[in-house]
């Protein structure tokens, strides 16, 4: 993800990096959010936690997820991360 950020910035697309690079606490995956030319937010991620099918599942309560599951490195995500746009503007929200 760091290399992706470097490539985007070096190619003149620094303003299209919407958020990240970062790490999700829940899955331990690295991510970067970018905006495409139409303004759509795209998240690319890599890595994940190792699954052990013999281990007990880890239960995340909302407060735990909101505190450290969504983001591991950042205190909070930008408000624009909650923006939504319908695929077809004539569809009701």
PDB file of N, CA and C in Angstrom:
ATOM      1  N   UNK A   1       0.813  -1.179   0.000  1.00  0.00           N
ATOM      2  CA  UNK A   1       0.000   0.000   0.000  1.00  0.00           C
ATOM      3  C   UNK A   1       0.867   1.257   0.000  1.00  0.00           C
ATOM      4  N   UNK A   2       1.999   1.188   0.676  1.00  0.00           N
ATOM      5  CA  UNK A   2       2.907   2.338   0.664  1.00  0.00           C
ATOM      6  C   UNK A   2       3.425   2.573  -0.747  1.00  0.00           C
ATOM      7  N   UNK A   3       3.758   1.516  -1.442  1.00  0.00           N
ATOM      8  CA  UNK A   3       4.241   1.641  -2.819  1.00  0.00           C
ATOM      9  C   UNK A   3       3.145   2.215  -3.708  1.00  0.00           C
ATOM     10  N   UNK A   4       1.909   1.801  -3.498  1.00  0.00           N
ATOM     11  CA  UNK A   4       0.786   2.345  -4.263  1.00  0.00           C
ATOM     12  C   UNK A   4       0.677   3.846  -4.041  1.00  0.00           C
ATOM     13  N   UNK A   5       0.785   4.274  -2.795  1.00  0.00           N
ATOM     14  CA  UNK A   5       0.727   5.704  -2.493  1.00  0.00           C
ATOM     15  C   UNK A   5       1.876   6.442  -3.164  1.00  0.00           C
ATOM     16  N   UNK A   6       3.073   5.866  -3.127  1.00  0.00           N
ATOM     17  CA  UNK A   6       4.220   6.491  -3.781  1.00  0.00           C
ATOM     18  C   UNK A   6       4.002   6.609  -5.292  1.00  0.00           C
ATOM     19  N   UNK A   7       3.515   5.548  -5.912  1.00  0.00           N
ATOM     20  CA  UNK A   7       3.288   5.569  -7.358  1.00  0.00           C
ATOM     21  C   UNK A   7       2.240   6.611  -7.745  1.00  0.00           C
ATOM     22  N   UNK A   8       1.152   6.683  -6.975  1.00  0.00           N
ATOM     23  CA  UNK A   8       0.116   7.679  -7.261  1.00  0.00           C
ATOM     24  C   UNK A   8       0.677   9.098  -7.128  1.00  0.00           C
ATOM     25  N   UNK A   9       1.395   9.348  -6.052  1.00  0.00           N
ATOM     26  CA  UNK A   9       1.956  10.689  -5.832  1.00  0.00           C
ATOM     27  C   UNK A   9       2.979  11.040  -6.909  1.00  0.00           C
ATOM     28  N   UNK A  10       3.852  10.085  -7.241  1.00  0.00           N
ATOM     29  CA  UNK A  10       4.878  10.337  -8.259  1.00  0.00           C
ATOM     30  C   UNK A  10       4.260  10.596  -9.631  1.00  0.00           C
ATOM     31  N   UNK A  11       3.095   9.994  -9.892  1.00  0.00           N
ATOM     32  CA  UNK A  11       2.430  10.155 -11.189  1.00  0.00           C
ATOM     33  C   UNK A  11       1.541  11.402 -11.237  1.00  0.00           C
ATOM     34  N   UNK A  12       1.523  12.175 -10.149  1.00  0.00           N
ATOM     35  CA  UNK A  12       0.738  13.404 -10.135  1.00  0.00           C
ATOM     36  C   UNK A  12      -0.687  13.235  -9.650  1.00  0.00           C
ATOM     37  N   UNK A  13      -0.982  12.112  -8.995  1.00  0.00           N
ATOM     38  CA  UNK A  13      -2.341  11.848  -8.518  1.00  0.00           C
ATOM     39  C   UNK A  13      -2.446  11.924  -6.997  1.00  0.00           C
ATOM     40  N   UNK A  14      -1.611  12.727  -6.386  1.00  0.00           N
ATOM     41  CA  UNK A  14      -1.607  12.839  -4.927  1.00  0.00           C
ATOM     42  C   UNK A  14      -2.970  13.277  -4.381  1.00  0.00           C
ATOM     43  N   UNK A  15      -3.638  14.178  -5.085  1.00  0.00           N
ATOM     44  CA  UNK A  15      -4.942  14.672  -4.624  1.00  0.00           C
ATOM     45  C   UNK A  15      -6.015  13.600  -4.670  1.00  0.00           C
ATOM     46  N   UNK A  16      -5.800  12.532  -5.429  1.00  0.00           N
ATOM     47  CA  UNK A  16      -6.799  11.463  -5.519  1.00  0.00           C
ATOM     48  C   UNK A  16      -6.684  10.470  -4.359  1.00  0.00           C
ATOM     49  N   UNK A  17      -5.624  10.570  -3.552  1.00  0.00           N
ATOM     50  CA  UNK A  17      -5.520   9.714  -2.367  1.00  0.00           C
ATOM     51  C   UNK A  17      -6.480  10.285  -1.333  1.00  0.00           C
ATOM     52  N   UNK A  18      -7.549   9.568  -1.079  1.00  0.00           N
ATOM     53  CA  UNK A  18      -8.621  10.053  -0.205  1.00  0.00           C
ATOM     54  C   UNK A  18      -8.320   9.782   1.266  1.00  0.00           C
ATOM     55  N   UNK A  19      -7.730   8.623   1.557  1.00  0.00           N
ATOM     56  CA  UNK A  19      -7.432   8.278   2.942  1.00  0.00           C
ATOM     57  C   UNK A  19      -6.451   7.109   2.950  1.00  0.00           C
ATOM     58  N   UNK A  20      -5.515   7.165   3.867  1.00  0.00           N
ATOM     59  CA  UNK A  20      -4.550   6.090   3.988  1.00  0.00           C
ATOM     60  C   UNK A  20      -3.231   6.498   3.354  1.00  0.00           C
ATOM     61  N   UNK A  21      -2.303   5.594   3.265  1.00  0.00           N
ATOM     62  CA  UNK A  21      -2.394   4.197   3.652  1.00  0.00           C
ATOM     63  C   UNK A  21      -2.647   4.047   5.150  1.00  0.00           C
ATOM     64  N   UNK A  22      -3.293   2.968   5.479  1.00  0.00           N
ATOM     65  CA  UNK A  22      -3.633   2.693   6.863  1.00  0.00           C
ATOM     66  C   UNK A  22      -3.742   1.202   7.096  1.00  0.00           C
ATOM     67  N   UNK A  23      -4.140   0.856   8.307  1.00  0.00           N
ATOM     68  CA  UNK A  23      -4.326  -0.548   8.676  1.00  0.00           C
ATOM     69  C   UNK A  23      -5.655  -0.680   9.411  1.00  0.00           C
ATOM     70  N   UNK A  24      -6.438  -1.648   8.993  1.00  0.00           N
ATOM     71  CA  UNK A  24      -7.677  -1.962   9.711  1.00  0.00           C
ATOM     72  C   UNK A  24      -7.325  -2.843  10.903  1.00  0.00           C
ATOM     73  N   UNK A  25      -7.840  -2.511  12.069  1.00  0.00           N
ATOM     74  CA  UNK A  25      -7.571  -3.308  13.263  1.00  0.00           C
ATOM     75  C   UNK A  25      -8.282  -4.644  13.248  1.00  0.00           C
ATOM     76  N   UNK A  26      -9.475  -4.684  12.695  1.00  0.00           N
ATOM     77  CA  UNK A  26     -10.282  -5.900  12.692  1.00  0.00           C
ATOM     78  C   UNK A  26      -9.616  -7.020  11.899  1.00  0.00           C
ATOM     79  N   UNK A  27      -9.164  -6.713  10.703  1.00  0.00           N
ATOM     80  CA  UNK A  27      -8.606  -7.743   9.830  1.00  0.00           C
ATOM     81  C   UNK A  27      -7.079  -7.682   9.740  1.00  0.00           C
ATOM     82  N   UNK A  28      -6.479  -6.611  10.229  1.00  0.00           N
ATOM     83  CA  UNK A  28      -5.048  -6.389  10.140  1.00  0.00           C
ATOM     84  C   UNK A  28      -4.604  -6.113   8.706  1.00  0.00           C
ATOM     85  N   UNK A  29      -5.541  -5.801   7.828  1.00  0.00           N
ATOM     86  CA  UNK A  29      -5.228  -5.554   6.422  1.00  0.00           C
ATOM     87  C   UNK A  29      -4.788  -4.108   6.218  1.00  0.00           C
ATOM     88  N   UNK A  30      -3.811  -3.911   5.347  1.00  0.00           N
ATOM     89  CA  UNK A  30      -3.410  -2.576   4.930  1.00  0.00           C
ATOM     90  C   UNK A  30      -4.406  -2.089   3.881  1.00  0.00           C
ATOM     91  N   UNK A  31      -4.650  -0.773   3.837  1.00  0.00           N
ATOM     92  CA  UNK A  31      -5.592  -0.237   2.857  1.00  0.00           C
ATOM     93  C   UNK A  31      -5.162   1.144   2.395  1.00  0.00           C
ATOM     94  N   UNK A  32      -5.713   1.525   1.259  1.00  0.00           N
ATOM     95  CA  UNK A  32      -5.624   2.903   0.774  1.00  0.00           C
ATOM     96  C   UNK A  32      -6.926   3.182   0.021  1.00  0.00           C
ATOM     97  N   UNK A  33      -7.512   4.336   0.276  1.00  0.00           N
ATOM     98  CA  UNK A  33      -8.723   4.765  -0.423  1.00  0.00           C
ATOM     99  C   UNK A  33      -8.342   5.843  -1.422  1.00  0.00           C
ATOM    100  N   UNK A  34      -8.764   5.679  -2.654  1.00  0.00           N
ATOM    101  CA  UNK A  34      -8.500   6.668  -3.703  1.00  0.00           C
ATOM    102  C   UNK A  34      -9.809   7.031  -4.391  1.00  0.00           C
ATOM    103  N   UNK A  35      -9.812   8.175  -5.052  1.00  0.00           N
ATOM    104  CA  UNK A  35     -10.975   8.621  -5.838  1.00  0.00           C
ATOM    105  C   UNK A  35     -10.660   8.430  -7.314  1.00  0.00           C
ATOM    106  N   UNK A  36     -11.600   7.826  -8.043  1.00  0.00           N
ATOM    107  CA  UNK A  36     -11.412   7.687  -9.489  1.00  0.00           C
ATOM    108  C   UNK A  36     -11.829   8.991 -10.164  1.00  0.00           C
ATOM    109  N   UNK A  37     -11.647   9.122 -11.486  1.00  0.00           N
ATOM    110  CA  UNK A  37     -11.979  10.382 -12.166  1.00  0.00           C
ATOM    111  C   UNK A  37     -13.447  10.805 -12.025  1.00  0.00           C
ATOM    112  N   UNK A  38     -14.341   9.854 -11.750  1.00  0.00           N
ATOM    113  CA  UNK A  38     -15.759  10.188 -11.573  1.00  0.00           C
ATOM    114  C   UNK A  38     -16.084  10.555 -10.127  1.00  0.00           C
ATOM    115  N   UNK A  39     -15.098  10.472  -9.242  1.00  0.00           N
ATOM    116  CA  UNK A  39     -15.320  10.820  -7.838  1.00  0.00           C
ATOM    117  C   UNK A  39     -15.699   9.647  -6.955  1.00  0.00           C
ATOM    118  N   UNK A  40     -15.731   8.437  -7.511  1.00  0.00           N
ATOM    119  CA  UNK A  40     -16.042   7.259  -6.703  1.00  0.00           C
ATOM    120  C   UNK A  40     -14.852   6.905  -5.822  1.00  0.00           C
ATOM    121  N   UNK A  41     -15.146   6.530  -4.590  1.00  0.00           N
ATOM    122  CA  UNK A  41     -14.095   6.122  -3.659  1.00  0.00           C
ATOM    123  C   UNK A  41     -13.843   4.624  -3.829  1.00  0.00           C
ATOM    124  N   UNK A  42     -12.588   4.255  -4.028  1.00  0.00           N
ATOM    125  CA  UNK A  42     -12.205   2.858  -4.183  1.00  0.00           C
ATOM    126  C   UNK A  42     -11.229   2.504  -3.079  1.00  0.00           C
ATOM    127  N   UNK A  43     -11.496   1.410  -2.381  1.00  0.00           N
ATOM    128  CA  UNK A  43     -10.561   0.956  -1.360  1.00  0.00           C
ATOM    129  C   UNK A  43      -9.831  -0.270  -1.882  1.00  0.00           C
ATOM    130  N   UNK A  44      -8.519  -0.204  -1.820  1.00  0.00           N
ATOM    131  CA  UNK A  44      -7.678  -1.345  -2.150  1.00  0.00           C
ATOM    132  C   UNK A  44      -7.063  -1.811  -0.846  1.00  0.00           C
ATOM    133  N   UNK A  45      -7.085  -3.100  -0.619  1.00  0.00           N
ATOM    134  CA  UNK A  45      -6.496  -3.608   0.623  1.00  0.00           C
ATOM    135  C   UNK A  45      -5.707  -4.871   0.329  1.00  0.00           C
ATOM    136  N   UNK A  46      -4.825  -5.190   1.243  1.00  0.00           N
ATOM    137  CA  UNK A  46      -4.016  -6.405   1.114  1.00  0.00           C
ATOM    138  C   UNK A  46      -3.701  -6.939   2.494  1.00  0.00           C
ATOM    139  N   UNK A  47      -3.466  -8.226   2.536  1.00  0.00           N
ATOM    140  CA  UNK A  47      -3.162  -8.863   3.808  1.00  0.00           C
ATOM    141  C   UNK A  47      -4.453  -9.111   4.564  1.00  0.00           C
ATOM    142  N   UNK A  48      -4.368  -9.915   5.543  1.00  0.00           N
ATOM    143  CA  UNK A  48      -5.546 -10.267   6.316  1.00  0.00           C
ATOM    144  C   UNK A  48      -5.048 -11.032   7.528  1.00  0.00           C
ATOM    145  N   UNK A  49      -5.939 -11.241   8.483  1.00  0.00           N
ATOM    146  CA  UNK A  49      -5.539 -12.033   9.637  1.00  0.00           C
ATOM    147  C   UNK A  49      -5.492 -13.502   9.244  1.00  0.00           C
ATOM    148  N   UNK A  50      -4.685 -14.241   9.971  1.00  0.00           N
ATOM    149  CA  UNK A  50      -4.598 -15.681   9.738  1.00  0.00           C
ATOM    150  C   UNK A  50      -5.774 -16.353  10.426  1.00  0.00           C
ATOM    151  N   UNK A  51      -6.472 -17.178   9.703  1.00  0.00           N
ATOM    152  CA  UNK A  51      -7.630 -17.870  10.258  1.00  0.00           C
ATOM    153  C   UNK A  51      -7.202 -19.203  10.853  1.00  0.00           C
ATOM    154  N   UNK A  52      -7.603 -19.431  12.062  1.00  0.00           N
ATOM    155  CA  UNK A  52      -7.360 -20.701  12.729  1.00  0.00           C
ATOM    156  C   UNK A  52      -8.726 -21.274  13.044  1.00  0.00           C
ATOM    157  N   UNK A  53      -9.158 -22.245  12.266  1.00  0.00           N
ATOM    158  CA  UNK A  53     -10.510 -22.786  12.408  1.00  0.00           C
ATOM    159  C   UNK A  53     -10.709 -23.519  13.723  1.00  0.00           C
ATOM    160  N   UNK A  54      -9.626 -23.844  14.421  1.00  0.00           N
ATOM    161  CA  UNK A  54      -9.751 -24.506  15.719  1.00  0.00           C
ATOM    162  C   UNK A  54      -9.886 -23.504  16.859  1.00  0.00           C
ATOM    163  N   UNK A  55      -9.588 -22.247  16.612  1.00  0.00           N
ATOM    164  CA  UNK A  55      -9.653 -21.226  17.664  1.00  0.00           C
ATOM    165  C   UNK A  55     -11.074 -20.702  17.810  1.00  0.00           C
ATOM    166  N   UNK A  56     -11.363 -20.223  18.984  1.00  0.00           N
ATOM    167  CA  UNK A  56     -12.669 -19.605  19.232  1.00  0.00           C
ATOM    168  C   UNK A  56     -12.778 -18.307  18.439  1.00  0.00           C
ATOM    169  N   UNK A  57     -13.937 -18.024  17.889  1.00  0.00           N
ATOM    170  CA  UNK A  57     -14.103 -16.751  17.164  1.00  0.00           C
ATOM    171  C   UNK A  57     -13.929 -15.559  18.104  1.00  0.00           C
ATOM    172  N   UNK A  58     -13.419 -14.483  17.569  1.00  0.00           N
ATOM    173  CA  UNK A  58     -13.286 -13.242  18.327  1.00  0.00           C
ATOM    174  C   UNK A  58     -14.520 -12.415  18.048  1.00  0.00           C
ATOM    175  N   UNK A  59     -15.208 -12.015  19.086  1.00  0.00           N
ATOM    176  CA  UNK A  59     -16.420 -11.210  18.926  1.00  0.00           C
ATOM    177  C   UNK A  59     -16.069  -9.738  19.116  1.00  0.00           C
ATOM    178  N   UNK A  60     -16.406  -8.928  18.126  1.00  0.00           N
ATOM    179  CA  UNK A  60     -16.169  -7.491  18.198  1.00  0.00           C
ATOM    180  C   UNK A  60     -17.484  -6.801  18.514  1.00  0.00           C
ATOM    181  N   UNK A  61     -17.522  -6.120  19.630  1.00  0.00           N
ATOM    182  CA  UNK A  61     -18.670  -5.274  19.934  1.00  0.00           C
ATOM    183  C   UNK A  61     -18.484  -3.969  19.166  1.00  0.00           C
ATOM    184  N   UNK A  62     -19.569  -3.241  18.923  1.00  0.00           N
ATOM    185  CA  UNK A  62     -19.482  -2.031  18.118  1.00  0.00           C
ATOM    186  C   UNK A  62     -18.473  -1.037  18.696  1.00  0.00           C
ATOM    187  N   UNK A  63     -18.480  -0.868  20.006  1.00  0.00           N
ATOM    188  CA  UNK A  63     -17.577   0.096  20.626  1.00  0.00           C
ATOM    189  C   UNK A  63     -16.111  -0.304  20.383  1.00  0.00           C
ATOM    190  N   UNK A  64     -15.828  -1.608  20.466  1.00  0.00           N
ATOM    191  CA  UNK A  64     -14.465  -2.083  20.220  1.00  0.00           C
ATOM    192  C   UNK A  64     -14.085  -1.859  18.764  1.00  0.00           C
ATOM    193  N   UNK A  65     -15.006  -2.161  17.853  1.00  0.00           N
ATOM    194  CA  UNK A  65     -14.747  -1.973  16.426  1.00  0.00           C
ATOM    195  C   UNK A  65     -14.525  -0.497  16.126  1.00  0.00           C
ATOM    196  N   UNK A  66     -15.381   0.348  16.678  1.00  0.00           N
ATOM    197  CA  UNK A  66     -15.282   1.774  16.415  1.00  0.00           C
ATOM    198  C   UNK A  66     -13.992   2.344  17.007  1.00  0.00           C
ATOM    199  N   UNK A  67     -13.535   1.781  18.119  1.00  0.00           N
ATOM    200  CA  UNK A  67     -12.321   2.270  18.784  1.00  0.00           C
ATOM    201  C   UNK A  67     -11.046   1.784  18.090  1.00  0.00           C
ATOM    202  N   UNK A  68     -10.980   0.521  17.688  1.00  0.00           N
ATOM    203  CA  UNK A  68      -9.741   0.006  17.125  1.00  0.00           C
ATOM    204  C   UNK A  68      -9.895  -0.984  15.990  1.00  0.00           C
ATOM    205  N   UNK A  69     -11.118  -1.341  15.657  1.00  0.00           N
ATOM    206  CA  UNK A  69     -11.319  -2.321  14.597  1.00  0.00           C
ATOM    207  C   UNK A  69     -11.282  -1.724  13.214  1.00  0.00           C
ATOM    208  N   UNK A  70     -11.894  -0.562  13.079  1.00  0.00           N
ATOM    209  CA  UNK A  70     -11.937   0.091  11.770  1.00  0.00           C
ATOM    210  C   UNK A  70     -10.549   0.591  11.381  1.00  0.00           C
ATOM    211  N   UNK A  71      -9.900   1.287  12.302  1.00  0.00           N
ATOM    212  CA  UNK A  71      -8.580   1.855  12.038  1.00  0.00           C
ATOM    213  C   UNK A  71      -7.643   1.507  13.173  1.00  0.00           C
ATOM    214  N   UNK A  72      -6.465   1.080  12.825  1.00  0.00           N
ATOM    215  CA  UNK A  72      -5.478   0.758  13.842  1.00  0.00           C
ATOM    216  C   UNK A  72      -4.512   1.909  14.054  1.00  0.00           C
ATOM    217  N   UNK A  73      -4.175   2.630  12.977  1.00  0.00           N
ATOM    218  CA  UNK A  73      -3.167   3.679  13.075  1.00  0.00           C
ATOM    219  C   UNK A  73      -3.743   5.068  13.251  1.00  0.00           C
ATOM    220  N   UNK A  74      -4.958   5.288  12.890  1.00  0.00           N
ATOM    221  CA  UNK A  74      -5.526   6.639  12.914  1.00  0.00           C
ATOM    222  C   UNK A  74      -6.565   6.755  14.013  1.00  0.00           C
ATOM    223  N   UNK A  75      -6.695   7.912  14.605  1.00  0.00           N
ATOM    224  CA  UNK A  75      -7.692   8.075  15.656  1.00  0.00           C
ATOM    225  C   UNK A  75      -9.115   8.060  15.104  1.00  0.00           C
ATOM    226  N   UNK A  76      -9.308   8.515  13.874  1.00  0.00           N
ATOM    227  CA  UNK A  76     -10.642   8.489  13.280  1.00  0.00           C
ATOM    228  C   UNK A  76     -10.533   8.605  11.762  1.00  0.00           C
ATOM    229  N   UNK A  77     -11.595   8.217  11.117  1.00  0.00           N
ATOM    230  CA  UNK A  77     -11.657   8.303   9.661  1.00  0.00           C
ATOM    231  C   UNK A  77     -12.287   9.631   9.273  1.00  0.00           C
ATOM    232  N   UNK A  78     -11.997  10.118   8.074  1.00  0.00           N
ATOM    233  CA  UNK A  78     -12.593  11.395   7.667  1.00  0.00           C
ATOM    234  C   UNK A  78     -14.102  11.252   7.446  1.00  0.00           C
ATOM    235  N   UNK A  79     -14.843  12.297   7.738  1.00  0.00           N
ATOM    236  CA  UNK A  79     -16.304  12.275   7.589  1.00  0.00           C
ATOM    237  C   UNK A  79     -16.711  11.932   6.160  1.00  0.00           C
ATOM    238  N   UNK A  80     -15.893  12.308   5.173  1.00  0.00           N
ATOM    239  CA  UNK A  80     -16.246  12.016   3.774  1.00  0.00           C
ATOM    240  C   UNK A  80     -16.287  10.514   3.502  1.00  0.00           C
ATOM    241  N   UNK A  81     -15.704   9.704   4.402  1.00  0.00           N
ATOM    242  CA  UNK A  81     -15.762   8.255   4.226  1.00  0.00           C
ATOM    243  C   UNK A  81     -17.169   7.711   4.376  1.00  0.00           C
ATOM    244  N   UNK A  82     -18.061   8.500   4.942  1.00  0.00           N
ATOM    245  CA  UNK A  82     -19.451   8.060   5.121  1.00  0.00           C
ATOM    246  C   UNK A  82     -20.362   8.518   3.987  1.00  0.00           C
ATOM    247  N   UNK A  83     -19.797   9.252   3.026  1.00  0.00           N
ATOM    248  CA  UNK A  83     -20.614   9.721   1.908  1.00  0.00           C
ATOM    249  C   UNK A  83     -21.029   8.547   1.042  1.00  0.00           C
ATOM    250  N   UNK A  84     -22.252   8.601   0.549  1.00  0.00           N
ATOM    251  CA  UNK A  84     -22.732   7.585  -0.378  1.00  0.00           C
ATOM    252  C   UNK A  84     -23.338   8.271  -1.596  1.00  0.00           C
ATOM    253  N   UNK A  85     -23.286   7.588  -2.704  1.00  0.00           N
ATOM    254  CA  UNK A  85     -23.858   8.081  -3.950  1.00  0.00           C
ATOM    255  C   UNK A  85     -24.572   6.919  -4.621  1.00  0.00           C
ATOM    256  N   UNK A  86     -25.815   7.099  -5.048  1.00  0.00           N
ATOM    257  CA  UNK A  86     -26.485   5.998  -5.737  1.00  0.00           C
ATOM    258  C   UNK A  86     -25.796   5.696  -7.067  1.00  0.00           C
ATOM    259  N   UNK A  87     -25.829   4.441  -7.464  1.00  0.00           N
ATOM    260  CA  UNK A  87     -25.226   4.043  -8.731  1.00  0.00           C
ATOM    261  C   UNK A  87     -25.924   4.747  -9.888  1.00  0.00           C
ATOM    262  N   UNK A  88     -27.233   4.825  -9.815  1.00  0.00           N
ATOM    263  CA  UNK A  88     -28.030   5.486 -10.839  1.00  0.00           C
ATOM    264  C   UNK A  88     -28.778   6.636 -10.153  1.00  0.00           C
ATOM    265  N   UNK A  89     -28.537   7.879 -10.543  1.00  0.00           N
ATOM    266  CA  UNK A  89     -29.168   9.017  -9.847  1.00  0.00           C
ATOM    267  C   UNK A  89     -30.694   8.959  -9.821  1.00  0.00           C
ATOM    268  N   UNK A  90     -31.325   8.201 -10.713  1.00  0.00           N
ATOM    269  CA  UNK A  90     -32.789   8.127 -10.708  1.00  0.00           C
ATOM    270  C   UNK A  90     -33.312   7.106  -9.708  1.00  0.00           C
ATOM    271  N   UNK A  91     -32.400   6.307  -9.099  1.00  0.00           N
ATOM    272  CA  UNK A  91     -32.820   5.327  -8.085  1.00  0.00           C
ATOM    273  C   UNK A  91     -33.035   6.032  -6.764  1.00  0.00           C
ATOM    274  N   UNK A  92     -34.065   5.651  -6.006  1.00  0.00           N
ATOM    275  CA  UNK A  92     -34.272   6.292  -4.694  1.00  0.00           C
ATOM    276  C   UNK A  92     -33.190   5.846  -3.710  1.00  0.00           C
ATOM    277  N   UNK A  93     -32.884   6.709  -2.748  1.00  0.00           N
ATOM    278  CA  UNK A  93     -31.871   6.355  -1.740  1.00  0.00           C
ATOM    279  C   UNK A  93     -32.431   5.403  -0.742  1.00  0.00           C
TER     280      UNK A  93
END
